[in-house]
Amino acid sequence: MSDRLDQGRGHEADYMLGTTLGWDAFEVVRWHGVEELSRPYEFDVILRRAADKGPIDLDGLMDSGATLRIATAARWRTVHGIVAEAEE
């Protein structure tokens, strides 16, 4: 994973999700985050997985760590969290 943001802008590398399955298990389709003072943040992330990568044990992802990386003009913004909900 490159830390250079001037390469690949406008492509799938603008948003990445890392889970216990690795950084290449899913493609981020879209995401929405809410952050407020004195409240926990919440990010909803819609993912896609290529059929040739095989099935996923969604129950195994529950309560595991996940990291969303968002490319900004100057750097990567990293958001760490826990998978609280997953569905097909």
C-alpha atoms as a PDB file:
ATOM      1  CA  MET A   1       0.000   0.000   0.000  1.00  0.00           C
ATOM      2  CA  SER A   2       1.568   3.248  -1.138  1.00  0.00           C
ATOM      3  CA  ASP A   3       1.524   6.370   1.014  1.00  0.00           C
ATOM      4  CA  ARG A   4       1.899   8.568  -2.078  1.00  0.00           C
ATOM      5  CA  LEU A   5      -1.400  10.303  -2.700  1.00  0.00           C
ATOM      6  CA  ASP A   6      -0.515  11.814  -6.066  1.00  0.00           C
ATOM      7  CA  GLN A   7      -0.798   8.399  -7.707  1.00  0.00           C
ATOM      8  CA  GLY A   8      -4.133   6.702  -8.324  1.00  0.00           C
ATOM      9  CA  ARG A   9      -6.326   9.642  -7.303  1.00  0.00           C
ATOM     10  CA  GLY A  10      -9.926   9.097  -8.337  1.00  0.00           C
ATOM     11  CA  HIS A  11      -9.574   5.324  -8.221  1.00  0.00           C
ATOM     12  CA  GLU A  12     -10.433   2.563  -5.761  1.00  0.00           C
ATOM     13  CA  ALA A  13      -7.343   3.380  -3.686  1.00  0.00           C
ATOM     14  CA  ASP A  14      -9.027   6.575  -2.406  1.00  0.00           C
ATOM     15  CA  TYR A  15     -10.848   4.472   0.191  1.00  0.00           C
ATOM     16  CA  MET A  16      -9.575   1.218   1.659  1.00  0.00           C
ATOM     17  CA  LEU A  17     -10.879  -1.079   4.372  1.00  0.00           C
ATOM     18  CA  GLY A  18      -8.642  -3.411   6.297  1.00  0.00           C
ATOM     19  CA  THR A  19     -10.122  -6.246   8.338  1.00  0.00           C
ATOM     20  CA  THR A  20      -8.894  -9.487   9.844  1.00  0.00           C
ATOM     21  CA  LEU A  21      -9.107 -10.786   6.245  1.00  0.00           C
ATOM     22  CA  GLY A  22      -6.566  -8.230   5.019  1.00  0.00           C
ATOM     23  CA  TRP A  23      -6.602  -5.044   2.940  1.00  0.00           C
ATOM     24  CA  ASP A  24      -7.651  -6.706  -0.306  1.00  0.00           C
ATOM     25  CA  ALA A  25     -10.642  -8.731   0.922  1.00  0.00           C
ATOM     26  CA  PHE A  26     -13.172  -6.016   0.023  1.00  0.00           C
ATOM     27  CA  GLU A  27     -13.581  -3.030  -2.252  1.00  0.00           C
ATOM     28  CA  VAL A  28     -15.147   0.069  -0.687  1.00  0.00           C
ATOM     29  CA  VAL A  29     -18.167   1.128  -2.761  1.00  0.00           C
ATOM     30  CA  ARG A  30     -19.195   4.055  -0.560  1.00  0.00           C
ATOM     31  CA  TRP A  31     -19.137   5.178   3.042  1.00  0.00           C
ATOM     32  CA  HIS A  32     -20.799   7.692   5.334  1.00  0.00           C
ATOM     33  CA  GLY A  33     -19.475   8.796   8.694  1.00  0.00           C
ATOM     34  CA  VAL A  34     -20.924  10.815  11.579  1.00  0.00           C
ATOM     35  CA  GLU A  35     -18.669  12.372  14.179  1.00  0.00           C
ATOM     36  CA  GLU A  36     -19.969  14.552  17.029  1.00  0.00           C
ATOM     37  CA  LEU A  37     -18.458  16.020  20.158  1.00  0.00           C
ATOM     38  CA  SER A  38     -18.832  13.842  23.245  1.00  0.00           C
ATOM     39  CA  ARG A  39     -20.452  11.010  21.263  1.00  0.00           C
ATOM     40  CA  PRO A  40     -19.090   7.827  19.690  1.00  0.00           C
ATOM     41  CA  TYR A  41     -18.499   8.077  15.957  1.00  0.00           C
ATOM     42  CA  GLU A  42     -20.240   5.811  13.468  1.00  0.00           C
ATOM     43  CA  PHE A  43     -19.199   4.867   9.946  1.00  0.00           C
ATOM     44  CA  ASP A  44     -21.399   2.883   7.585  1.00  0.00           C
ATOM     45  CA  VAL A  45     -19.311   1.296   4.846  1.00  0.00           C
ATOM     46  CA  ILE A  46     -20.780  -0.437   1.786  1.00  0.00           C
ATOM     47  CA  LEU A  47     -18.413  -3.085   0.458  1.00  0.00           C
ATOM     48  CA  ARG A  48     -18.131  -5.343  -2.564  1.00  0.00           C
ATOM     49  CA  ARG A  49     -16.238  -8.614  -2.888  1.00  0.00           C
ATOM     50  CA  ALA A  50     -15.329 -10.389  -6.101  1.00  0.00           C
ATOM     51  CA  ALA A  51     -17.041 -13.773  -6.407  1.00  0.00           C
ATOM     52  CA  ASP A  52     -13.751 -15.476  -7.245  1.00  0.00           C
ATOM     53  CA  LYS A  53     -12.404 -14.563  -3.778  1.00  0.00           C
ATOM     54  CA  GLY A  54     -14.840 -17.015  -2.195  1.00  0.00           C
ATOM     55  CA  PRO A  55     -17.421 -16.731   0.572  1.00  0.00           C
ATOM     56  CA  ILE A  56     -16.997 -14.761   3.787  1.00  0.00           C
ATOM     57  CA  ASP A  57     -17.907 -15.837   7.303  1.00  0.00           C
ATOM     58  CA  LEU A  58     -19.808 -12.705   8.325  1.00  0.00           C
ATOM     59  CA  ASP A  59     -20.231 -13.943  11.891  1.00  0.00           C
ATOM     60  CA  GLY A  60     -16.451 -14.213  12.108  1.00  0.00           C
ATOM     61  CA  LEU A  61     -16.104 -10.517  11.225  1.00  0.00           C
ATOM     62  CA  MET A  62     -18.418  -9.394  14.010  1.00  0.00           C
ATOM     63  CA  ASP A  63     -16.706  -7.626  16.912  1.00  0.00           C
ATOM     64  CA  SER A  64     -13.369  -7.710  15.072  1.00  0.00           C
ATOM     65  CA  GLY A  65     -11.229  -4.693  14.279  1.00  0.00           C
ATOM     66  CA  ALA A  66     -11.492  -2.759  11.031  1.00  0.00           C
ATOM     67  CA  THR A  67      -9.601   0.232   9.652  1.00  0.00           C
ATOM     68  CA  LEU A  68     -10.965   2.641   7.049  1.00  0.00           C
ATOM     69  CA  ARG A  69      -8.315   4.658   5.204  1.00  0.00           C
ATOM     70  CA  ILE A  70      -9.507   7.766   3.387  1.00  0.00           C
ATOM     71  CA  ALA A  71      -7.216   9.594   0.970  1.00  0.00           C
ATOM     72  CA  THR A  72      -7.208  13.373   1.397  1.00  0.00           C
ATOM     73  CA  ALA A  73      -5.257  15.888  -0.666  1.00  0.00           C
ATOM     74  CA  ALA A  74      -2.321  15.789   1.753  1.00  0.00           C
ATOM     75  CA  ARG A  75      -2.395  12.453   3.578  1.00  0.00           C
ATOM     76  CA  TRP A  76      -4.321   9.331   4.531  1.00  0.00           C
ATOM     77  CA  ARG A  77      -6.940   9.735   7.230  1.00  0.00           C
ATOM     78  CA  THR A  78      -7.240   6.564   9.257  1.00  0.00           C
ATOM     79  CA  VAL A  79     -10.330   5.564  11.243  1.00  0.00           C
ATOM     80  CA  HIS A  80     -10.095   2.511  13.501  1.00  0.00           C
ATOM     81  CA  GLY A  81     -13.198   0.749  14.717  1.00  0.00           C
ATOM     82  CA  ILE A  82     -15.051  -2.469  15.408  1.00  0.00           C
ATOM     83  CA  VAL A  83     -17.350  -4.330  13.001  1.00  0.00           C
ATOM     84  CA  ALA A  84     -20.743  -4.047  14.685  1.00  0.00           C
ATOM     85  CA  GLU A  85     -23.042  -5.142  11.845  1.00  0.00           C
ATOM     86  CA  ALA A  86     -22.615  -7.130   8.629  1.00  0.00           C
ATOM     87  CA  GLU A  87     -25.050  -8.482   6.067  1.00  0.00           C
ATOM     88  CA  GLU A  88     -25.076  -9.849   2.533  1.00  0.00           C
END
